[in-house]
Amino acid sequence: MQKLNLPEFDLMIREKDGKEEILDIIRKKYIRLTPEEWVRQNFIAYLLQEKNYPQSLMAIEKEIIIDRQKRRPDIVVFKNDMKPVLAVECKAPAVKISQDTFDQLIRYNSIMKVKYLITTNGMKHYCCRIDYEKNVYRYLQEVPAFSEL
C-alpha cells in the first residue's frame, strides 16, 4: 500500500482467499484492504498512538439516519459522557479532498453536532473546530490531542 503522510504504524495485514485484509482494532475483525481502508486504519492508529485517543471511545462506520437514509461516518470519537465530539471522513489517497468531501461531513454533523471535523485522504488532513455559538468554524494547524477536545 501507498506510504501516507502519517507516521508509520505496525498494522496487521493478512491474505485470505487471495485478497488482503487489515485488522480493524476497533471493530476487532479483519476488513478487506482497500486504499480507503488503508487510510482509515492508519488514521485510527494515529489517533490512538500519537494523539492518545482511547480505543473504547471510538466507533467505526457508526450508523446515523439523515432524511430516512442510513449514513456511516468513517470514525466518530466520543467523550467520556458518550457524546460525540469528533468525526472523520476518510478517502483513498488518490481522491482529492474537495468541498464535496467536507459537505458530506457537514451533512453527517447536522445529526451528530460534534465540535471537530476532519477530512483526510492520508496525504492531506483538514481539521476544523466548530463554534456553535458564533455559527463559524476555524481550521486548525493540527489534529488536537484527546485531552484538548
Protein backbone atom coordinates (compact mmCIF):
# COMPACT_ATOMS: atom_id res chain seq x y z
CA MET A 1 0.00 0.00 0.00
CA GLN A 2 0.96 3.61 -0.56
CA LYS A 3 3.06 5.47 2.02
CA LEU A 4 0.88 8.10 3.70
CA ASN A 5 1.58 11.48 5.26
CA LEU A 6 1.31 9.91 8.71
CA PRO A 7 3.80 8.15 10.96
CA GLU A 8 4.33 4.50 10.04
CA PHE A 9 2.38 2.04 12.16
CA ASP A 10 2.69 -1.71 12.53
CA LEU A 11 -0.71 -2.77 11.21
CA MET A 12 -1.80 -6.41 10.97
CA ILE A 13 -2.35 -7.48 7.34
CA ARG A 14 -3.17 -10.99 6.15
CA GLU A 15 -4.18 -12.70 2.94
CA LYS A 16 -7.45 -14.64 2.82
CA ASP A 17 -8.94 -16.21 -0.30
CA GLY A 18 -6.41 -14.34 -2.44
CA LYS A 19 -7.35 -10.92 -1.02
CA GLU A 20 -5.53 -8.77 1.51
CA GLU A 21 -7.28 -7.88 4.76
CA ILE A 22 -6.31 -5.48 7.54
CA LEU A 23 -7.17 -5.80 11.21
CA ASP A 24 -9.55 -3.12 12.45
CA ILE A 25 -8.64 -2.98 16.13
CA ILE A 26 -11.76 -1.01 16.99
CA ARG A 27 -14.22 -3.47 15.43
CA LYS A 28 -11.88 -6.37 16.31
CA LYS A 29 -12.10 -8.03 12.91
CA TYR A 30 -10.30 -8.18 9.60
CA ILE A 31 -11.61 -5.92 6.82
CA ARG A 32 -10.82 -6.08 3.10
CA LEU A 33 -7.78 -3.89 2.47
CA THR A 34 -8.77 -1.13 0.04
CA PRO A 35 -6.96 2.21 -0.37
CA GLU A 36 -9.67 3.94 1.71
CA GLU A 37 -9.45 1.28 4.44
CA TRP A 38 -5.66 1.72 4.46
CA VAL A 39 -6.18 5.44 5.18
CA ARG A 40 -8.84 4.74 7.83
CA GLN A 41 -6.73 2.18 9.71
CA ASN A 42 -3.64 4.38 9.63
CA PHE A 43 -5.65 7.37 10.85
CA ILE A 44 -7.12 5.28 13.67
CA ALA A 45 -3.58 4.27 14.67
CA TYR A 46 -2.54 7.94 14.51
CA LEU A 47 -5.38 8.99 16.82
CA LEU A 48 -4.65 6.16 19.25
CA GLN A 49 -0.86 6.24 19.31
CA GLU A 50 0.03 9.86 18.57
CA LYS A 51 -2.95 11.77 19.97
CA ASN A 52 -3.86 9.45 22.88
CA TYR A 53 -7.48 8.84 21.90
CA PRO A 54 -8.99 5.97 23.91
CA GLN A 55 -9.90 2.99 21.77
CA SER A 56 -13.04 2.45 23.87
CA LEU A 57 -14.39 5.88 22.84
CA MET A 58 -14.09 5.36 19.09
CA ALA A 59 -16.70 3.98 16.69
CA ILE A 60 -16.12 2.98 13.06
CA GLU A 61 -18.87 3.45 10.47
CA LYS A 62 -21.43 4.25 13.17
CA GLU A 63 -24.82 4.37 11.52
CA ILE A 64 -26.81 7.60 11.56
CA ILE A 65 -30.06 8.42 9.75
CA ILE A 66 -30.29 11.52 7.56
CA ASP A 67 -33.51 12.13 5.65
CA ARG A 68 -34.54 8.50 6.26
CA GLN A 69 -31.29 7.24 4.70
CA LYS A 70 -28.56 5.34 6.51
CA ARG A 71 -25.17 7.03 6.54
CA ARG A 72 -21.92 5.92 8.15
CA PRO A 73 -19.19 8.37 9.14
CA ASP A 74 -15.80 6.65 8.97
CA ILE A 75 -14.69 7.46 12.51
CA VAL A 76 -16.61 9.01 15.41
CA VAL A 77 -14.93 9.85 18.70
CA PHE A 78 -16.90 10.26 21.90
CA LYS A 79 -16.08 12.00 25.16
CA ASN A 80 -16.39 10.15 28.46
CA ASP A 81 -20.08 11.11 28.67
CA MET A 82 -20.58 9.25 25.34
CA LYS A 83 -21.49 12.42 23.43
CA PRO A 84 -19.83 12.54 20.00
CA VAL A 85 -17.11 15.18 19.84
CA LEU A 86 -15.18 14.46 16.61
CA ALA A 87 -15.97 12.91 13.22
CA VAL A 88 -13.57 11.85 10.48
CA GLU A 89 -14.25 11.19 6.80
CA CYS A 90 -11.54 9.16 5.07
CA LYS A 91 -10.91 8.93 1.35
CA ALA A 92 -8.41 6.93 -0.68
CA PRO A 93 -5.06 8.67 -1.31
CA ALA A 94 -5.92 9.18 -4.99
CA VAL A 95 -9.15 11.02 -4.09
CA LYS A 96 -8.71 14.76 -3.81
CA ILE A 97 -10.19 16.32 -0.68
CA SER A 98 -12.76 18.74 -2.06
CA GLN A 99 -15.64 20.87 -0.88
CA ASP A 100 -17.90 17.89 -1.62
CA THR A 101 -15.93 15.81 0.90
CA PHE A 102 -16.31 18.50 3.53
CA ASP A 103 -20.01 18.93 2.67
CA GLN A 104 -20.53 15.20 3.22
CA LEU A 105 -19.12 15.54 6.72
CA ILE A 106 -21.24 18.65 7.36
CA ARG A 107 -24.37 16.65 6.44
CA TYR A 108 -23.37 13.95 8.91
CA ASN A 109 -22.78 16.63 11.51
CA SER A 110 -26.30 18.00 11.12
CA ILE A 111 -27.24 14.94 13.19
CA MET A 112 -24.14 14.39 15.35
CA LYS A 113 -23.33 18.00 16.36
CA VAL A 114 -19.63 17.36 17.03
CA LYS A 115 -17.10 20.11 17.77
CA TYR A 116 -14.37 18.79 15.45
CA LEU A 117 -14.48 17.63 11.84
CA ILE A 118 -11.59 16.00 9.98
CA THR A 119 -11.28 15.02 6.34
CA THR A 120 -8.27 13.04 5.19
CA ASN A 121 -7.02 11.08 2.22
CA GLY A 122 -3.92 10.04 4.12
CA MET A 123 -1.84 12.60 2.27
CA LYS A 124 -3.66 15.78 3.33
CA HIS A 125 -5.61 16.24 6.53
CA TYR A 126 -8.01 19.07 7.26
CA CYS A 127 -9.32 19.62 10.77
CA CYS A 128 -11.73 22.30 11.88
CA ARG A 129 -13.36 23.27 15.15
CA ILE A 130 -16.96 24.41 15.11
CA ASP A 131 -18.15 27.26 17.31
CA TYR A 132 -21.91 26.75 17.51
CA GLU A 133 -22.50 29.99 19.47
CA LYS A 134 -20.94 32.15 16.74
CA ASN A 135 -22.02 29.79 13.93
CA VAL A 136 -18.48 29.65 12.46
CA TYR A 137 -15.74 27.09 12.03
CA ARG A 138 -11.99 27.53 12.13
CA TYR A 139 -9.35 25.31 10.55
CA LEU A 140 -6.68 24.09 12.93
CA GLN A 141 -2.99 23.62 12.23
CA GLU A 142 -3.08 20.08 13.57
CA VAL A 143 -5.39 17.44 14.97
CA PRO A 144 -5.94 18.07 18.68
CA ALA A 145 -4.91 15.53 21.29
CA PHE A 146 -7.80 13.80 23.05
CA SER A 147 -7.14 15.87 26.18
CA GLU A 148 -7.73 19.05 24.14
CA LEU A 149 -11.19 18.10 22.89
